[in-house]
Amino acid sequence: MPLKKSDIERFKNRLLEMKSQYTNLVRHVTEDVKSTEESKGYSQHQADEGTDDFDRSISLQVSDEEFKILKQIDRALQKIEENTYGICDITNEEIALARLEAIPYATMTVKAQEMLEKGMLQ
């Protein structure tokens, strides 16, 4: 059953809120990495530099994950504008409401997502 306009509006509001949160998170992580880079020359001990490098690596991984989610949020918002929100990008089947409630930026059915993750889809 297609989504109701009220559901789509509710999801759009959630997605916009999530986009704001993730944008701020990515911005803060990026600023932290930059400030760590700028102060790198001030470490007094090699162990401190190793810890700084490890922290920077973790921050970059976190930032990359958040950036991927931001791209998915943007795609979901684009689908709302195209009137295709709730329809799988791969199979054109409806995405279960429960899945959208859990992951509002989902653009694939569970089955299509699993196939993609297993390398069965390009």
PDB file of N, CA and C in Angstrom:
ATOM      1  N   MET A   1       0.843  -1.177   0.000  1.00  0.00           N
ATOM      2  CA  MET A   1       0.000   0.000   0.000  1.00  0.00           C
ATOM      3  C   MET A   1       0.894   1.248   0.000  1.00  0.00           C
ATOM      4  N   PRO A   2       0.684   2.151  -0.935  1.00  0.00           N
ATOM      5  CA  PRO A   2       1.511   3.368  -1.003  1.00  0.00           C
ATOM      6  C   PRO A   2       1.419   4.192   0.284  1.00  0.00           C
ATOM      7  N   LEU A   3       2.472   4.939   0.537  1.00  0.00           N
ATOM      8  CA  LEU A   3       2.510   5.788   1.729  1.00  0.00           C
ATOM      9  C   LEU A   3       1.511   6.929   1.606  1.00  0.00           C
ATOM     10  N   LYS A   4       0.950   7.306   2.746  1.00  0.00           N
ATOM     11  CA  LYS A   4       0.039   8.454   2.793  1.00  0.00           C
ATOM     12  C   LYS A   4       0.863   9.741   2.763  1.00  0.00           C
ATOM     13  N   LYS A   5       0.235  10.812   2.304  1.00  0.00           N
ATOM     14  CA  LYS A   5       0.926  12.112   2.272  1.00  0.00           C
ATOM     15  C   LYS A   5       1.395  12.521   3.662  1.00  0.00           C
ATOM     16  N   SER A   6       0.592  12.218   4.676  1.00  0.00           N
ATOM     17  CA  SER A   6       0.974  12.581   6.048  1.00  0.00           C
ATOM     18  C   SER A   6       2.215  11.799   6.486  1.00  0.00           C
ATOM     19  N   ASP A   7       2.307  10.524   6.069  1.00  0.00           N
ATOM     20  CA  ASP A   7       3.498   9.722   6.385  1.00  0.00           C
ATOM     21  C   ASP A   7       4.726  10.303   5.689  1.00  0.00           C
ATOM     22  N   ILE A   8       4.570  10.637   4.430  1.00  0.00           N
ATOM     23  CA  ILE A   8       5.697  11.184   3.667  1.00  0.00           C
ATOM     24  C   ILE A   8       6.171  12.497   4.285  1.00  0.00           C
ATOM     25  N   GLU A   9       5.245  13.333   4.696  1.00  0.00           N
ATOM     26  CA  GLU A   9       5.612  14.608   5.332  1.00  0.00           C
ATOM     27  C   GLU A   9       6.351  14.360   6.650  1.00  0.00           C
ATOM     28  N   ARG A  10       5.876  13.382   7.407  1.00  0.00           N
ATOM     29  CA  ARG A  10       6.528  13.030   8.675  1.00  0.00           C
ATOM     30  C   ARG A  10       7.953  12.524   8.417  1.00  0.00           C
ATOM     31  N   PHE A  11       8.112  11.660   7.420  1.00  0.00           N
ATOM     32  CA  PHE A  11       9.446  11.155   7.087  1.00  0.00           C
ATOM     33  C   PHE A  11      10.346  12.284   6.583  1.00  0.00           C
ATOM     34  N   LYS A  12       9.793  13.188   5.800  1.00  0.00           N
ATOM     35  CA  LYS A  12      10.581  14.312   5.298  1.00  0.00           C
ATOM     36  C   LYS A  12      11.113  15.147   6.459  1.00  0.00           C
ATOM     37  N   ASN A  13      10.270  15.419   7.437  1.00  0.00           N
ATOM     38  CA  ASN A  13      10.708  16.186   8.607  1.00  0.00           C
ATOM     39  C   ASN A  13      11.794  15.447   9.377  1.00  0.00           C
ATOM     40  N   ARG A  14      11.625  14.137   9.542  1.00  0.00           N
ATOM     41  CA  ARG A  14      12.658  13.342  10.228  1.00  0.00           C
ATOM     42  C   ARG A  14      13.969  13.375   9.458  1.00  0.00           C
ATOM     43  N   LEU A  15      13.871  13.229   8.135  1.00  0.00           N
ATOM     44  CA  LEU A  15      15.074  13.235   7.305  1.00  0.00           C
ATOM     45  C   LEU A  15      15.787  14.583   7.362  1.00  0.00           C
ATOM     46  N   LEU A  16      15.041  15.665   7.334  1.00  0.00           N
ATOM     47  CA  LEU A  16      15.654  16.992   7.423  1.00  0.00           C
ATOM     48  C   LEU A  16      16.338  17.192   8.774  1.00  0.00           C
ATOM     49  N   GLU A  17      15.711  16.696   9.830  1.00  0.00           N
ATOM     50  CA  GLU A  17      16.321  16.783  11.161  1.00  0.00           C
ATOM     51  C   GLU A  17      17.598  15.943  11.220  1.00  0.00           C
ATOM     52  N   MET A  18      17.534  14.730  10.674  1.00  0.00           N
ATOM     53  CA  MET A  18      18.711  13.858  10.648  1.00  0.00           C
ATOM     54  C   MET A  18      19.830  14.492   9.822  1.00  0.00           C
ATOM     55  N   LYS A  19      19.470  15.101   8.705  1.00  0.00           N
ATOM     56  CA  LYS A  19      20.474  15.738   7.849  1.00  0.00           C
ATOM     57  C   LYS A  19      21.204  16.829   8.616  1.00  0.00           C
ATOM     58  N   SER A  20      20.475  17.615   9.359  1.00  0.00           N
ATOM     59  CA  SER A  20      21.081  18.674  10.159  1.00  0.00           C
ATOM     60  C   SER A  20      22.033  18.090  11.203  1.00  0.00           C
ATOM     61  N   GLN A  21      21.597  17.046  11.897  1.00  0.00           N
ATOM     62  CA  GLN A  21      22.427  16.419  12.927  1.00  0.00           C
ATOM     63  C   GLN A  21      23.702  15.823  12.332  1.00  0.00           C
ATOM     64  N   TYR A  22      23.565  15.086  11.235  1.00  0.00           N
ATOM     65  CA  TYR A  22      24.737  14.455  10.623  1.00  0.00           C
ATOM     66  C   TYR A  22      25.675  15.490  10.009  1.00  0.00           C
ATOM     67  N   THR A  23      25.127  16.552   9.446  1.00  0.00           N
ATOM     68  CA  THR A  23      25.964  17.613   8.895  1.00  0.00           C
ATOM     69  C   THR A  23      26.802  18.238  10.005  1.00  0.00           C
ATOM     70  N   ASN A  24      26.182  18.514  11.139  1.00  0.00           N
ATOM     71  CA  ASN A  24      26.917  19.077  12.277  1.00  0.00           C
ATOM     72  C   ASN A  24      27.966  18.105  12.788  1.00  0.00           C
ATOM     73  N   LEU A  25      27.623  16.831  12.860  1.00  0.00           N
ATOM     74  CA  LEU A  25      28.571  15.824  13.340  1.00  0.00           C
ATOM     75  C   LEU A  25      29.782  15.741  12.419  1.00  0.00           C
ATOM     76  N   VAL A  26      29.549  15.672  11.114  1.00  0.00           N
ATOM     77  CA  VAL A  26      30.659  15.611  10.158  1.00  0.00           C
ATOM     78  C   VAL A  26      31.510  16.872  10.263  1.00  0.00           C
ATOM     79  N   ARG A  27      30.871  18.016  10.408  1.00  0.00           N
ATOM     80  CA  ARG A  27      31.605  19.276  10.523  1.00  0.00           C
ATOM     81  C   ARG A  27      32.506  19.256  11.766  1.00  0.00           C
ATOM     82  N   HIS A  28      31.968  18.795  12.896  1.00  0.00           N
ATOM     83  CA  HIS A  28      32.760  18.765  14.131  1.00  0.00           C
ATOM     84  C   HIS A  28      33.919  17.780  14.025  1.00  0.00           C
ATOM     85  N   VAL A  29      33.674  16.609  13.457  1.00  0.00           N
ATOM     86  CA  VAL A  29      34.748  15.624  13.308  1.00  0.00           C
ATOM     87  C   VAL A  29      35.830  16.182  12.392  1.00  0.00           C
ATOM     88  N   THR A  30      35.430  16.817  11.306  1.00  0.00           N
ATOM     89  CA  THR A  30      36.390  17.407  10.373  1.00  0.00           C
ATOM     90  C   THR A  30      37.207  18.491  11.061  1.00  0.00           C
ATOM     91  N   GLU A  31      36.554  19.324  11.854  1.00  0.00           N
ATOM     92  CA  GLU A  31      37.270  20.378  12.586  1.00  0.00           C
ATOM     93  C   GLU A  31      38.236  19.773  13.595  1.00  0.00           C
ATOM     94  N   ASP A  32      37.823  18.686  14.272  1.00  0.00           N
ATOM     95  CA  ASP A  32      38.701  18.026  15.236  1.00  0.00           C
ATOM     96  C   ASP A  32      39.938  17.459  14.551  1.00  0.00           C
ATOM     97  N   VAL A  33      39.740  16.832  13.389  1.00  0.00           N
ATOM     98  CA  VAL A  33      40.876  16.267  12.656  1.00  0.00           C
ATOM     99  C   VAL A  33      41.815  17.384  12.217  1.00  0.00           C
ATOM    100  N   LYS A  34      41.260  18.492  11.725  1.00  0.00           N
ATOM    101  CA  LYS A  34      42.097  19.616  11.303  1.00  0.00           C
ATOM    102  C   LYS A  34      42.880  20.193  12.468  1.00  0.00           C
ATOM    103  N   SER A  35      42.236  20.353  13.626  1.00  0.00           N
ATOM    104  CA  SER A  35      42.941  20.929  14.773  1.00  0.00           C
ATOM    105  C   SER A  35      44.015  19.975  15.277  1.00  0.00           C
ATOM    106  N   THR A  36      43.771  18.664  15.174  1.00  0.00           N
ATOM    107  CA  THR A  36      44.785  17.683  15.564  1.00  0.00           C
ATOM    108  C   THR A  36      45.965  17.764  14.608  1.00  0.00           C
ATOM    109  N   GLU A  37      45.686  17.909  13.313  1.00  0.00           N
ATOM    110  CA  GLU A  37      46.750  18.055  12.312  1.00  0.00           C
ATOM    111  C   GLU A  37      47.595  19.287  12.603  1.00  0.00           C
ATOM    112  N   GLU A  38      46.941  20.397  12.924  1.00  0.00           N
ATOM    113  CA  GLU A  38      47.649  21.651  13.160  1.00  0.00           C
ATOM    114  C   GLU A  38      48.518  21.590  14.406  1.00  0.00           C
ATOM    115  N   SER A  39      48.094  20.823  15.407  1.00  0.00           N
ATOM    116  CA  SER A  39      48.860  20.760  16.654  1.00  0.00           C
ATOM    117  C   SER A  39      49.804  19.570  16.694  1.00  0.00           C
ATOM    118  N   LYS A  40      49.888  18.806  15.617  1.00  0.00           N
ATOM    119  CA  LYS A  40      50.703  17.595  15.606  1.00  0.00           C
ATOM    120  C   LYS A  40      52.162  17.878  15.946  1.00  0.00           C
ATOM    121  N   GLY A  41      52.686  18.962  15.472  1.00  0.00           N
ATOM    122  CA  GLY A  41      54.084  19.281  15.732  1.00  0.00           C
ATOM    123  C   GLY A  41      54.378  19.584  17.184  1.00  0.00           C
ATOM    124  N   TYR A  42      53.344  19.739  18.000  1.00  0.00           N
ATOM    125  CA  TYR A  42      53.540  20.117  19.393  1.00  0.00           C
ATOM    126  C   TYR A  42      53.637  18.925  20.333  1.00  0.00           C
ATOM    127  N   SER A  43      53.415  17.693  19.835  1.00  0.00           N
ATOM    128  CA  SER A  43      53.523  16.518  20.704  1.00  0.00           C
ATOM    129  C   SER A  43      54.953  16.396  21.199  1.00  0.00           C
ATOM    130  N   GLN A  44      55.072  16.001  22.457  1.00  0.00           N
ATOM    131  CA  GLN A  44      56.393  15.934  23.050  1.00  0.00           C
ATOM    132  C   GLN A  44      56.931  14.513  23.087  1.00  0.00           C
ATOM    133  N   HIS A  45      56.115  13.550  22.794  1.00  0.00           N
ATOM    134  CA  HIS A  45      56.529  12.164  22.916  1.00  0.00           C
ATOM    135  C   HIS A  45      55.964  11.368  21.745  1.00  0.00           C
ATOM    136  N   GLN A  46      56.747  10.384  21.275  1.00  0.00           N
ATOM    137  CA  GLN A  46      56.292   9.568  20.148  1.00  0.00           C
ATOM    138  C   GLN A  46      54.989   8.838  20.457  1.00  0.00           C
ATOM    139  N   ALA A  47      54.821   8.403  21.692  1.00  0.00           N
ATOM    140  CA  ALA A  47      53.588   7.701  22.063  1.00  0.00           C
ATOM    141  C   ALA A  47      52.386   8.622  21.900  1.00  0.00           C
ATOM    142  N   ASP A  48      52.569   9.897  22.248  1.00  0.00           N
ATOM    143  CA  ASP A  48      51.484  10.869  22.067  1.00  0.00           C
ATOM    144  C   ASP A  48      51.132  11.014  20.587  1.00  0.00           C
ATOM    145  N   GLU A  49      52.162  11.046  19.738  1.00  0.00           N
ATOM    146  CA  GLU A  49      51.915  11.160  18.302  1.00  0.00           C
ATOM    147  C   GLU A  49      51.180   9.932  17.786  1.00  0.00           C
ATOM    148  N   GLY A  50      51.538   8.748  18.285  1.00  0.00           N
ATOM    149  CA  GLY A  50      50.855   7.516  17.885  1.00  0.00           C
ATOM    150  C   GLY A  50      49.394   7.538  18.288  1.00  0.00           C
ATOM    151  N   THR A  51      49.130   8.010  19.497  1.00  0.00           N
ATOM    152  CA  THR A  51      47.748   8.125  19.969  1.00  0.00           C
ATOM    153  C   THR A  51      46.983   9.128  19.122  1.00  0.00           C
ATOM    154  N   ASP A  52      47.627  10.253  18.810  1.00  0.00           N
ATOM    155  CA  ASP A  52      46.984  11.263  17.959  1.00  0.00           C
ATOM    156  C   ASP A  52      46.649  10.686  16.585  1.00  0.00           C
ATOM    157  N   ASP A  53      47.588   9.920  16.005  1.00  0.00           N
ATOM    158  CA  ASP A  53      47.345   9.310  14.692  1.00  0.00           C
ATOM    159  C   ASP A  53      46.191   8.323  14.758  1.00  0.00           C
ATOM    160  N   PHE A  54      46.139   7.525  15.827  1.00  0.00           N
ATOM    161  CA  PHE A  54      45.054   6.556  16.000  1.00  0.00           C
ATOM    162  C   PHE A  54      43.713   7.277  16.137  1.00  0.00           C
ATOM    163  N   ASP A  55      43.676   8.308  16.974  1.00  0.00           N
ATOM    164  CA  ASP A  55      42.440   9.085  17.163  1.00  0.00           C
ATOM    165  C   ASP A  55      41.982   9.715  15.849  1.00  0.00           C
ATOM    166  N   ARG A  56      42.928  10.233  15.081  1.00  0.00           N
ATOM    167  CA  ARG A  56      42.603  10.852  13.802  1.00  0.00           C
ATOM    168  C   ARG A  56      42.043   9.800  12.841  1.00  0.00           C
ATOM    169  N   SER A  57      42.625   8.611  12.844  1.00  0.00           N
ATOM    170  CA  SER A  57      42.147   7.523  11.984  1.00  0.00           C
ATOM    171  C   SER A  57      40.717   7.132  12.341  1.00  0.00           C
ATOM    172  N   ILE A  58      40.435   7.015  13.636  1.00  0.00           N
ATOM    173  CA  ILE A  58      39.076   6.682  14.090  1.00  0.00           C
ATOM    174  C   ILE A  58      38.113   7.794  13.684  1.00  0.00           C
ATOM    175  N   SER A  59      38.518   9.037  13.876  1.00  0.00           N
ATOM    176  CA  SER A  59      37.660  10.168  13.516  1.00  0.00           C
ATOM    177  C   SER A  59      37.346  10.175  12.028  1.00  0.00           C
ATOM    178  N   LEU A  60      38.338   9.864  11.205  1.00  0.00           N
ATOM    179  CA  LEU A  60      38.111   9.839   9.760  1.00  0.00           C
ATOM    180  C   LEU A  60      37.166   8.712   9.368  1.00  0.00           C
ATOM    181  N   GLN A  61      37.273   7.557  10.043  1.00  0.00           N
ATOM    182  CA  GLN A  61      36.362   6.447   9.757  1.00  0.00           C
ATOM    183  C   GLN A  61      34.938   6.818  10.148  1.00  0.00           C
ATOM    184  N   VAL A  62      34.790   7.443  11.314  1.00  0.00           N
ATOM    185  CA  VAL A  62      33.468   7.884  11.766  1.00  0.00           C
ATOM    186  C   VAL A  62      32.913   8.895  10.770  1.00  0.00           C
ATOM    187  N   SER A  63      33.734   9.848  10.382  1.00  0.00           N
ATOM    188  CA  SER A  63      33.308  10.876   9.441  1.00  0.00           C
ATOM    189  C   SER A  63      32.874  10.257   8.119  1.00  0.00           C
ATOM    190  N   ASP A  64      33.582   9.247   7.644  1.00  0.00           N
ATOM    191  CA  ASP A  64      33.239   8.586   6.388  1.00  0.00           C
ATOM    192  C   ASP A  64      31.876   7.902   6.491  1.00  0.00           C
ATOM    193  N   GLU A  65      31.618   7.234   7.608  1.00  0.00           N
ATOM    194  CA  GLU A  65      30.316   6.577   7.802  1.00  0.00           C
ATOM    195  C   GLU A  65      29.188   7.601   7.834  1.00  0.00           C
ATOM    196  N   GLU A  66      29.401   8.692   8.566  1.00  0.00           N
ATOM    197  CA  GLU A  66      28.382   9.734   8.639  1.00  0.00           C
ATOM    198  C   GLU A  66      28.151  10.367   7.272  1.00  0.00           C
ATOM    199  N   PHE A  67      29.227  10.534   6.514  1.00  0.00           N
ATOM    200  CA  PHE A  67      29.100  11.117   5.184  1.00  0.00           C
ATOM    201  C   PHE A  67      28.277  10.202   4.275  1.00  0.00           C
ATOM    202  N   LYS A  68      28.485   8.893   4.386  1.00  0.00           N
ATOM    203  CA  LYS A  68      27.694   7.936   3.596  1.00  0.00           C
ATOM    204  C   LYS A  68      26.213   8.032   3.962  1.00  0.00           C
ATOM    205  N   ILE A  69      25.934   8.152   5.251  1.00  0.00           N
ATOM    206  CA  ILE A  69      24.539   8.279   5.690  1.00  0.00           C
ATOM    207  C   ILE A  69      23.947   9.589   5.172  1.00  0.00           C
ATOM    208  N   LEU A  70      24.739  10.656   5.205  1.00  0.00           N
ATOM    209  CA  LEU A  70      24.267  11.939   4.665  1.00  0.00           C
ATOM    210  C   LEU A  70      23.875  11.806   3.195  1.00  0.00           C
ATOM    211  N   LYS A  71      24.676  11.082   2.423  1.00  0.00           N
ATOM    212  CA  LYS A  71      24.350  10.871   1.012  1.00  0.00           C
ATOM    213  C   LYS A  71      23.046  10.087   0.873  1.00  0.00           C
ATOM    214  N   GLN A  72      22.838   9.097   1.754  1.00  0.00           N
ATOM    215  CA  GLN A  72      21.599   8.318   1.712  1.00  0.00           C
ATOM    216  C   GLN A  72      20.401   9.193   2.089  1.00  0.00           C
ATOM    217  N   ILE A  73      20.593  10.063   3.067  1.00  0.00           N
ATOM    218  CA  ILE A  73      19.519  10.986   3.463  1.00  0.00           C
ATOM    219  C   ILE A  73      19.172  11.897   2.288  1.00  0.00           C
ATOM    220  N   ASP A  74      20.196  12.422   1.623  1.00  0.00           N
ATOM    221  CA  ASP A  74      19.950  13.277   0.455  1.00  0.00           C
ATOM    222  C   ASP A  74      19.193  12.519  -0.633  1.00  0.00           C
ATOM    223  N   ARG A  75      19.547  11.253  -0.838  1.00  0.00           N
ATOM    224  CA  ARG A  75      18.854  10.450  -1.853  1.00  0.00           C
ATOM    225  C   ARG A  75      17.393  10.251  -1.452  1.00  0.00           C
ATOM    226  N   ALA A  76      17.142   9.975  -0.182  1.00  0.00           N
ATOM    227  CA  ALA A  76      15.764   9.787   0.285  1.00  0.00           C
ATOM    228  C   ALA A  76      14.960  11.074   0.103  1.00  0.00           C
ATOM    229  N   LEU A  77      15.555  12.216   0.414  1.00  0.00           N
ATOM    230  CA  LEU A  77      14.871  13.500   0.214  1.00  0.00           C
ATOM    231  C   LEU A  77      14.602  13.756  -1.273  1.00  0.00           C
ATOM    232  N   GLN A  78      15.544  13.358  -2.104  1.00  0.00           N
ATOM    233  CA  GLN A  78      15.352  13.487  -3.549  1.00  0.00           C
ATOM    234  C   GLN A  78      14.174  12.619  -4.003  1.00  0.00           C
ATOM    235  N   LYS A  79      14.080  11.400  -3.452  1.00  0.00           N
ATOM    236  CA  LYS A  79      12.979  10.502  -3.804  1.00  0.00           C
ATOM    237  C   LYS A  79      11.636  11.095  -3.374  1.00  0.00           C
ATOM    238  N   ILE A  80      11.617  11.810  -2.260  1.00  0.00           N
ATOM    239  CA  ILE A  80      10.375  12.473  -1.837  1.00  0.00           C
ATOM    240  C   ILE A  80       9.968  13.493  -2.895  1.00  0.00           C
ATOM    241  N   GLU A  81      10.937  14.270  -3.368  1.00  0.00           N
ATOM    242  CA  GLU A  81      10.646  15.276  -4.395  1.00  0.00           C
ATOM    243  C   GLU A  81      10.192  14.629  -5.705  1.00  0.00           C
ATOM    244  N   GLU A  82      10.711  13.433  -5.988  1.00  0.00           N
ATOM    245  CA  GLU A  82      10.361  12.715  -7.225  1.00  0.00           C
ATOM    246  C   GLU A  82       9.079  11.890  -7.079  1.00  0.00           C
ATOM    247  N   ASN A  83       8.503  11.920  -5.879  1.00  0.00           N
ATOM    248  CA  ASN A  83       7.320  11.097  -5.568  1.00  0.00           C
ATOM    249  C   ASN A  83       7.595   9.603  -5.693  1.00  0.00           C
ATOM    250  N   THR A  84       8.823   9.196  -5.370  1.00  0.00           N
ATOM    251  CA  THR A  84       9.173   7.774  -5.397  1.00  0.00           C
ATOM    252  C   THR A  84       9.656   7.283  -4.035  1.00  0.00           C
ATOM    253  N   TYR A  85       9.478   8.097  -3.004  1.00  0.00           N
ATOM    254  CA  TYR A  85       9.911   7.696  -1.661  1.00  0.00           C
ATOM    255  C   TYR A  85       9.124   6.463  -1.233  1.00  0.00           C
ATOM    256  N   GLY A  86       9.835   5.489  -0.660  1.00  0.00           N
ATOM    257  CA  GLY A  86       9.198   4.250  -0.226  1.00  0.00           C
ATOM    258  C   GLY A  86       9.215   3.172  -1.293  1.00  0.00           C
ATOM    259  N   ILE A  87       9.801   3.484  -2.450  1.00  0.00           N
ATOM    260  CA  ILE A  87       9.935   2.523  -3.542  1.00  0.00           C
ATOM    261  C   ILE A  87      11.419   2.176  -3.685  1.00  0.00           C
ATOM    262  N   CYS A  88      11.721   0.891  -3.749  1.00  0.00           N
ATOM    263  CA  CYS A  88      13.104   0.420  -3.838  1.00  0.00           C
ATOM    264  C   CYS A  88      13.766   0.899  -5.129  1.00  0.00           C
ATOM    265  N   ASP A  89      14.984   1.428  -4.995  1.00  0.00           N
ATOM    266  CA  ASP A  89      15.756   1.874  -6.158  1.00  0.00           C
ATOM    267  C   ASP A  89      16.125   0.713  -7.081  1.00  0.00           C
ATOM    268  N   ILE A  90      16.204  -0.493  -6.533  1.00  0.00           N
ATOM    269  CA  ILE A  90      16.664  -1.648  -7.304  1.00  0.00           C
ATOM    270  C   ILE A  90      15.500  -2.432  -7.903  1.00  0.00           C
ATOM    271  N   THR A  91      14.532  -2.784  -7.054  1.00  0.00           N
ATOM    272  CA  THR A  91      13.464  -3.698  -7.480  1.00  0.00           C
ATOM    273  C   THR A  91      12.158  -2.999  -7.841  1.00  0.00           C
ATOM    274  N   ASN A  92      12.049  -1.726  -7.527  1.00  0.00           N
ATOM    275  CA  ASN A  92      10.803  -0.961  -7.698  1.00  0.00           C
ATOM    276  C   ASN A  92       9.654  -1.501  -6.846  1.00  0.00           C
ATOM    277  N   GLU A  93       9.967  -2.321  -5.852  1.00  0.00           N
ATOM    278  CA  GLU A  93       8.959  -2.804  -4.909  1.00  0.00           C
ATOM    279  C   GLU A  93       8.825  -1.789  -3.780  1.00  0.00           C
ATOM    280  N   GLU A  94       7.694  -1.854  -3.073  1.00  0.00           N
ATOM    281  CA  GLU A  94       7.506  -0.973  -1.922  1.00  0.00           C
ATOM    282  C   GLU A  94       8.424  -1.403  -0.783  1.00  0.00           C
ATOM    283  N   ILE A  95       8.997  -0.425  -0.121  1.00  0.00           N
ATOM    284  CA  ILE A  95       9.811  -0.673   1.069  1.00  0.00           C
ATOM    285  C   ILE A  95       8.849  -0.738   2.247  1.00  0.00           C
ATOM    286  N   ALA A  96       9.025  -1.750   3.094  1.00  0.00           N
ATOM    287  CA  ALA A  96       8.126  -1.943   4.232  1.00  0.00           C
ATOM    288  C   ALA A  96       8.126  -0.707   5.130  1.00  0.00           C
ATOM    289  N   LEU A  97       6.941  -0.342   5.598  1.00  0.00           N
ATOM    290  CA  LEU A  97       6.797   0.817   6.480  1.00  0.00           C
ATOM    291  C   LEU A  97       7.666   0.660   7.725  1.00  0.00           C
ATOM    292  N   ALA A  98       7.726  -0.558   8.265  1.00  0.00           N
ATOM    293  CA  ALA A  98       8.547  -0.804   9.459  1.00  0.00           C
ATOM    294  C   ALA A  98      10.019  -0.490   9.179  1.00  0.00           C
ATOM    295  N   ARG A  99      10.485  -0.810   7.979  1.00  0.00           N
ATOM    296  CA  ARG A  99      11.879  -0.505   7.619  1.00  0.00           C
ATOM    297  C   ARG A  99      12.087   1.008   7.541  1.00  0.00           C
ATOM    298  N   LEU A 100      11.147   1.710   6.940  1.00  0.00           N
ATOM    299  CA  LEU A 100      11.267   3.166   6.848  1.00  0.00           C
ATOM    300  C   LEU A 100      11.186   3.821   8.222  1.00  0.00           C
ATOM    301  N   GLU A 101      10.377   3.252   9.106  1.00  0.00           N
ATOM    302  CA  GLU A 101      10.307   3.779  10.481  1.00  0.00           C
ATOM    303  C   GLU A 101      11.662   3.638  11.164  1.00  0.00           C
ATOM    304  N   ALA A 102      12.323   2.493  10.941  1.00  0.00           N
ATOM    305  CA  ALA A 102      13.617   2.241  11.574  1.00  0.00           C
ATOM    306  C   ALA A 102      14.742   3.012  10.889  1.00  0.00           C
ATOM    307  N   ILE A 103      14.697   3.059   9.553  1.00  0.00           N
ATOM    308  CA  ILE A 103      15.743   3.707   8.761  1.00  0.00           C
ATOM    309  C   ILE A 103      15.063   4.577   7.711  1.00  0.00           C
ATOM    310  N   PRO A 104      14.704   5.806   8.064  1.00  0.00           N
ATOM    311  CA  PRO A 104      13.950   6.652   7.134  1.00  0.00           C
ATOM    312  C   PRO A 104      14.676   6.939   5.823  1.00  0.00           C
ATOM    313  N   TYR A 105      15.997   6.788   5.812  1.00  0.00           N
ATOM    314  CA  TYR A 105      16.760   7.045   4.596  1.00  0.00           C
ATOM    315  C   TYR A 105      16.965   5.792   3.748  1.00  0.00           C
ATOM    316  N   ALA A 106      16.273   4.700   4.097  1.00  0.00           N
ATOM    317  CA  ALA A 106      16.375   3.472   3.303  1.00  0.00           C
ATOM    318  C   ALA A 106      15.808   3.719   1.912  1.00  0.00           C
ATOM    319  N   THR A 107      16.546   3.299   0.907  1.00  0.00           N
ATOM    320  CA  THR A 107      16.086   3.443  -0.476  1.00  0.00           C
ATOM    321  C   THR A 107      15.990   2.086  -1.165  1.00  0.00           C
ATOM    322  N   MET A 108      16.165   1.022  -0.373  1.00  0.00           N
ATOM    323  CA  MET A 108      16.072  -0.337  -0.906  1.00  0.00           C
ATOM    324  C   MET A 108      15.308  -1.218   0.068  1.00  0.00           C
ATOM    325  N   THR A 109      14.678  -2.245  -0.461  1.00  0.00           N
ATOM    326  CA  THR A 109      14.059  -3.247   0.400  1.00  0.00           C
ATOM    327  C   THR A 109      15.170  -4.004   1.120  1.00  0.00           C
ATOM    328  N   VAL A 110      14.801  -4.721   2.159  1.00  0.00           N
ATOM    329  CA  VAL A 110      15.782  -5.519   2.899  1.00  0.00           C
ATOM    330  C   VAL A 110      16.444  -6.517   1.954  1.00  0.00           C
ATOM    331  N   LYS A 111      15.637  -7.169   1.127  1.00  0.00           N
ATOM    332  CA  LYS A 111      16.158  -8.180   0.201  1.00  0.00           C
ATOM    333  C   LYS A 111      17.174  -7.572  -0.768  1.00  0.00           C
ATOM    334  N   ALA A 112      16.850  -6.433  -1.350  1.00  0.00           N
ATOM    335  CA  ALA A 112      17.775  -5.777  -2.282  1.00  0.00           C
ATOM    336  C   ALA A 112      19.048  -5.335  -1.564  1.00  0.00           C
ATOM    337  N   GLN A 113      18.919  -4.825  -0.345  1.00  0.00           N
ATOM    338  CA  GLN A 113      20.082  -4.398   0.435  1.00  0.00           C
ATOM    339  C   GLN A 113      20.997  -5.583   0.721  1.00  0.00           C
ATOM    340  N   GLU A 114      20.406  -6.719   1.100  1.00  0.00           N
ATOM    341  CA  GLU A 114      21.199  -7.921   1.369  1.00  0.00           C
ATOM    342  C   GLU A 114      21.925  -8.384   0.114  1.00  0.00           C
ATOM    343  N   MET A 115      21.243  -8.363  -1.017  1.00  0.00           N
ATOM    344  CA  MET A 115      21.872  -8.776  -2.273  1.00  0.00           C
ATOM    345  C   MET A 115      23.030  -7.845  -2.627  1.00  0.00           C
ATOM    346  N   LEU A 116      22.853  -6.559  -2.410  1.00  0.00           N
ATOM    347  CA  LEU A 116      23.910  -5.589  -2.677  1.00  0.00           C
ATOM    348  C   LEU A 116      25.116  -5.852  -1.782  1.00  0.00           C
ATOM    349  N   GLU A 117      24.859  -6.093  -0.492  1.00  0.00           N
ATOM    350  CA  GLU A 117      25.943  -6.321   0.460  1.00  0.00           C
ATOM    351  C   GLU A 117      26.680  -7.624   0.187  1.00  0.00           C
ATOM    352  N   LYS A 118      25.992  -8.606  -0.393  1.00  0.00           N
ATOM    353  CA  LYS A 118      26.627  -9.887  -0.732  1.00  0.00           C
ATOM    354  C   LYS A 118      27.332  -9.829  -2.082  1.00  0.00           C
ATOM    355  N   GLY A 119      27.268  -8.678  -2.740  1.00  0.00           N
ATOM    356  CA  GLY A 119      27.927  -8.519  -4.021  1.00  0.00           C
ATOM    357  C   GLY A 119      27.151  -9.102  -5.185  1.00  0.00           C
ATOM    358  N   MET A 120      25.882  -9.391  -4.962  1.00  0.00           N
ATOM    359  CA  MET A 120      25.064  -9.979  -6.017  1.00  0.00           C
ATOM    360  C   MET A 120      24.484  -8.913  -6.942  1.00  0.00           C
ATOM    361  N   LEU A 121      24.594  -7.653  -6.547  1.00  0.00           N
ATOM    362  CA  LEU A 121      24.131  -6.526  -7.363  1.00  0.00           C
ATOM    363  C   LEU A 121      25.288  -5.564  -7.552  1.00  0.00           C
ATOM    364  N   GLN A 122      25.260  -4.849  -8.618  1.00  0.00           N
ATOM    365  CA  GLN A 122      26.314  -3.858  -8.880  1.00  0.00           C
ATOM    366  C   GLN A 122      25.861  -2.491  -8.457  1.00  0.00           C
TER     367      GLN A 122
END
